[in-house]
Amino acid sequence: MSRQEFIDKMPAEQKKALEDIKKQQQSDYRRSGMALAEGAMASLADGTGGTFFHNRNDLGAGLVGLTAVPECVYLLEFSPVQP
């Protein structure tokens, strides 16, 4: 008997329970994938002196924070050696 035949013979309540479990597992998988991606972005922002905005839907407040005057500024200069 194939898996599909087995499922087809199950009562409706058990089929619904299996579907609910499947949906929960898919949701958990997506959530864990997003958490991993979020961790990578947070590390990148932290390692480069950037700001990581997450779990926010307030775009205006984020843009205000990005356009604020920084507390320190770096100037990098390059002077090529003349032969």
N, C-alpha and C. Protein backbone atom coordinates (compact mmCIF):
# COMPACT_ATOMS: atom_id res chain seq x y z
N MET A 1 0.85 -1.17 0.00
CA MET A 1 0.00 0.00 0.00
C MET A 1 0.90 1.24 0.00
N SER A 2 0.60 2.17 -0.89
CA SER A 2 1.39 3.40 -0.96
C SER A 2 0.97 4.36 0.16
N ARG A 3 1.78 5.35 0.36
CA ARG A 3 1.47 6.34 1.40
C ARG A 3 0.17 7.06 1.09
N GLN A 4 -0.02 7.42 -0.19
CA GLN A 4 -1.23 8.13 -0.57
C GLN A 4 -2.47 7.27 -0.35
N GLU A 5 -2.38 5.99 -0.68
CA GLU A 5 -3.52 5.09 -0.44
C GLU A 5 -3.83 5.00 1.05
N PHE A 6 -2.78 4.95 1.85
CA PHE A 6 -2.95 4.91 3.31
C PHE A 6 -3.66 6.16 3.79
N ILE A 7 -3.23 7.31 3.30
CA ILE A 7 -3.84 8.58 3.72
C ILE A 7 -5.28 8.68 3.23
N ASP A 8 -5.53 8.19 2.01
CA ASP A 8 -6.89 8.25 1.48
C ASP A 8 -7.87 7.45 2.33
N LYS A 9 -7.42 6.39 2.97
CA LYS A 9 -8.29 5.56 3.80
C LYS A 9 -8.46 6.08 5.22
N MET A 10 -7.74 7.13 5.57
CA MET A 10 -7.83 7.68 6.93
C MET A 10 -9.14 8.44 7.12
N PRO A 11 -9.65 8.47 8.35
CA PRO A 11 -10.82 9.31 8.63
C PRO A 11 -10.48 10.79 8.43
N ALA A 12 -11.50 11.58 8.18
CA ALA A 12 -11.32 13.01 7.88
C ALA A 12 -10.62 13.75 9.02
N GLU A 13 -10.92 13.38 10.27
CA GLU A 13 -10.30 14.08 11.41
C GLU A 13 -8.78 13.86 11.42
N GLN A 14 -8.37 12.63 11.10
CA GLN A 14 -6.93 12.35 11.08
C GLN A 14 -6.25 13.06 9.92
N LYS A 15 -6.93 13.14 8.78
CA LYS A 15 -6.36 13.87 7.64
C LYS A 15 -6.16 15.34 8.00
N LYS A 16 -7.18 15.91 8.66
CA LYS A 16 -7.07 17.32 9.07
C LYS A 16 -5.93 17.51 10.05
N ALA A 17 -5.78 16.57 10.99
CA ALA A 17 -4.69 16.66 11.97
C ALA A 17 -3.34 16.60 11.26
N LEU A 18 -3.21 15.72 10.28
CA LEU A 18 -1.95 15.64 9.51
C LEU A 18 -1.67 16.93 8.75
N GLU A 19 -2.71 17.49 8.15
CA GLU A 19 -2.54 18.76 7.43
C GLU A 19 -2.11 19.88 8.38
N ASP A 20 -2.72 19.91 9.57
CA ASP A 20 -2.35 20.93 10.57
C ASP A 20 -0.90 20.77 10.99
N ILE A 21 -0.47 19.53 11.20
CA ILE A 21 0.93 19.28 11.57
C ILE A 21 1.87 19.72 10.46
N LYS A 22 1.49 19.39 9.22
CA LYS A 22 2.31 19.77 8.06
C LYS A 22 2.44 21.30 7.96
N LYS A 23 1.33 22.00 8.12
CA LYS A 23 1.36 23.47 8.06
C LYS A 23 2.23 24.05 9.17
N GLN A 24 2.13 23.48 10.37
CA GLN A 24 2.94 23.96 11.49
C GLN A 24 4.42 23.73 11.23
N GLN A 25 4.76 22.57 10.69
CA GLN A 25 6.16 22.28 10.38
C GLN A 25 6.70 23.21 9.31
N GLN A 26 5.89 23.50 8.29
CA GLN A 26 6.32 24.44 7.24
C GLN A 26 6.52 25.83 7.81
N SER A 27 5.62 26.23 8.69
CA SER A 27 5.75 27.55 9.33
C SER A 27 7.01 27.62 10.19
N ASP A 28 7.26 26.57 10.96
CA ASP A 28 8.47 26.53 11.79
C ASP A 28 9.73 26.58 10.94
N TYR A 29 9.72 25.87 9.81
CA TYR A 29 10.87 25.84 8.90
C TYR A 29 11.13 27.24 8.34
N ARG A 30 10.07 27.91 7.89
CA ARG A 30 10.24 29.27 7.36
C ARG A 30 10.74 30.23 8.43
N ARG A 31 10.18 30.11 9.64
CA ARG A 31 10.56 30.99 10.73
C ARG A 31 12.04 30.80 11.09
N SER A 32 12.50 29.55 11.13
CA SER A 32 13.91 29.31 11.47
C SER A 32 14.82 29.82 10.36
N GLY A 33 14.39 29.70 9.11
CA GLY A 33 15.18 30.23 8.00
C GLY A 33 15.29 31.75 8.07
N MET A 34 14.19 32.40 8.41
CA MET A 34 14.22 33.85 8.54
C MET A 34 15.10 34.28 9.71
N ALA A 35 15.06 33.52 10.80
CA ALA A 35 15.90 33.85 11.96
C ALA A 35 17.38 33.73 11.60
N LEU A 36 17.74 32.71 10.83
CA LEU A 36 19.14 32.57 10.40
C LEU A 36 19.56 33.74 9.52
N ALA A 37 18.70 34.12 8.58
CA ALA A 37 19.02 35.24 7.69
C ALA A 37 19.11 36.53 8.49
N GLU A 38 18.22 36.70 9.46
CA GLU A 38 18.25 37.91 10.29
C GLU A 38 19.54 37.98 11.09
N GLY A 39 19.99 36.83 11.61
CA GLY A 39 21.24 36.80 12.37
C GLY A 39 22.43 37.18 11.51
N ALA A 40 22.43 36.73 10.27
CA ALA A 40 23.53 37.07 9.36
C ALA A 40 23.53 38.57 9.06
N MET A 41 22.36 39.14 8.83
CA MET A 41 22.28 40.58 8.55
C MET A 41 22.68 41.40 9.78
N ALA A 42 22.27 40.94 10.96
CA ALA A 42 22.64 41.65 12.19
C ALA A 42 24.15 41.61 12.38
N SER A 43 24.78 40.47 12.11
CA SER A 43 26.24 40.36 12.24
C SER A 43 26.95 41.27 11.24
N LEU A 44 26.44 41.31 10.02
CA LEU A 44 27.03 42.18 9.00
C LEU A 44 26.94 43.64 9.42
N ALA A 45 25.78 44.05 9.87
CA ALA A 45 25.61 45.45 10.29
C ALA A 45 26.49 45.76 11.48
N ASP A 46 26.55 44.88 12.45
CA ASP A 46 27.36 45.10 13.64
C ASP A 46 28.85 45.14 13.30
N GLY A 47 29.28 44.25 12.44
CA GLY A 47 30.70 44.18 12.09
C GLY A 47 31.19 45.34 11.24
N THR A 48 30.27 46.03 10.58
CA THR A 48 30.66 47.14 9.71
C THR A 48 30.26 48.50 10.28
N GLY A 49 29.77 48.51 11.50
CA GLY A 49 29.37 49.78 12.12
C GLY A 49 28.03 50.28 11.64
N GLY A 50 27.25 49.41 10.99
CA GLY A 50 25.95 49.81 10.47
C GLY A 50 24.85 49.64 11.50
N THR A 51 23.64 49.90 11.07
CA THR A 51 22.47 49.77 11.91
C THR A 51 21.55 48.73 11.30
N PHE A 52 21.08 47.81 12.10
CA PHE A 52 20.19 46.76 11.64
C PHE A 52 18.80 47.02 12.17
N PHE A 53 17.86 47.27 11.28
CA PHE A 53 16.47 47.49 11.67
C PHE A 53 15.71 46.20 11.44
N HIS A 54 15.03 45.72 12.46
CA HIS A 54 14.25 44.49 12.33
C HIS A 54 13.01 44.54 13.20
N ASN A 55 12.04 43.75 12.83
CA ASN A 55 10.76 43.68 13.55
C ASN A 55 10.10 45.04 13.70
N ARG A 56 10.21 45.85 12.63
CA ARG A 56 9.61 47.18 12.67
C ARG A 56 8.87 47.43 11.37
N ASN A 57 7.73 48.02 11.48
CA ASN A 57 6.97 48.41 10.30
C ASN A 57 6.92 49.92 10.14
N ASP A 58 7.64 50.63 10.99
CA ASP A 58 7.63 52.10 10.97
C ASP A 58 8.79 52.59 10.11
N LEU A 59 8.54 52.70 8.82
CA LEU A 59 9.59 53.11 7.88
C LEU A 59 10.07 54.54 8.17
N GLY A 60 9.17 55.41 8.56
CA GLY A 60 9.54 56.80 8.84
C GLY A 60 10.57 56.92 9.94
N ALA A 61 10.36 56.20 11.04
CA ALA A 61 11.31 56.26 12.16
C ALA A 61 12.67 55.69 11.74
N GLY A 62 12.67 54.64 10.93
CA GLY A 62 13.93 54.07 10.45
C GLY A 62 14.69 55.05 9.58
N LEU A 63 13.99 55.74 8.70
CA LEU A 63 14.65 56.72 7.83
C LEU A 63 15.18 57.91 8.62
N VAL A 64 14.45 58.34 9.63
CA VAL A 64 14.94 59.42 10.49
C VAL A 64 16.24 59.00 11.17
N GLY A 65 16.27 57.77 11.67
CA GLY A 65 17.48 57.28 12.32
C GLY A 65 18.65 57.17 11.35
N LEU A 66 18.38 56.79 10.11
CA LEU A 66 19.45 56.67 9.12
C LEU A 66 20.00 58.02 8.68
N THR A 67 19.17 59.04 8.68
CA THR A 67 19.61 60.35 8.21
C THR A 67 20.12 61.25 9.33
N ALA A 68 20.12 60.75 10.57
CA ALA A 68 20.62 61.55 11.69
C ALA A 68 22.13 61.75 11.56
N VAL A 69 22.61 62.82 12.13
CA VAL A 69 24.04 63.12 12.10
C VAL A 69 24.79 62.07 12.93
N PRO A 70 25.80 61.42 12.35
CA PRO A 70 26.53 60.40 13.10
C PRO A 70 27.34 61.02 14.22
N GLU A 71 27.60 60.23 15.26
CA GLU A 71 28.38 60.76 16.38
C GLU A 71 29.86 60.84 16.06
N CYS A 72 30.32 60.11 15.07
CA CYS A 72 31.72 60.23 14.64
C CYS A 72 31.80 59.99 13.14
N VAL A 73 32.80 60.57 12.53
CA VAL A 73 32.99 60.48 11.08
C VAL A 73 34.44 60.07 10.82
N TYR A 74 34.63 59.20 9.86
CA TYR A 74 35.98 58.77 9.49
C TYR A 74 36.31 59.35 8.13
N LEU A 75 37.55 59.76 7.97
CA LEU A 75 38.04 60.25 6.69
C LEU A 75 39.19 59.37 6.26
N LEU A 76 39.04 58.74 5.14
CA LEU A 76 40.10 57.90 4.59
C LEU A 76 40.73 58.66 3.44
N GLU A 77 42.03 58.67 3.41
CA GLU A 77 42.73 59.42 2.39
C GLU A 77 43.77 58.51 1.74
N PHE A 78 43.95 58.70 0.44
CA PHE A 78 44.93 57.93 -0.31
C PHE A 78 45.79 58.90 -1.10
N SER A 79 47.09 58.78 -0.93
CA SER A 79 48.04 59.61 -1.70
C SER A 79 48.99 58.68 -2.45
N PRO A 80 48.83 58.61 -3.77
CA PRO A 80 49.71 57.73 -4.52
C PRO A 80 51.15 58.27 -4.53
N VAL A 81 52.08 57.36 -4.55
CA VAL A 81 53.50 57.75 -4.58
C VAL A 81 53.84 58.12 -6.02
N GLN A 82 54.41 59.32 -6.18
CA GLN A 82 54.83 59.78 -7.52
C GLN A 82 56.18 59.17 -7.85
N PRO A 83 56.31 58.50 -9.00
CA PRO A 83 57.64 57.92 -9.35
C PRO A 83 58.65 58.99 -9.72
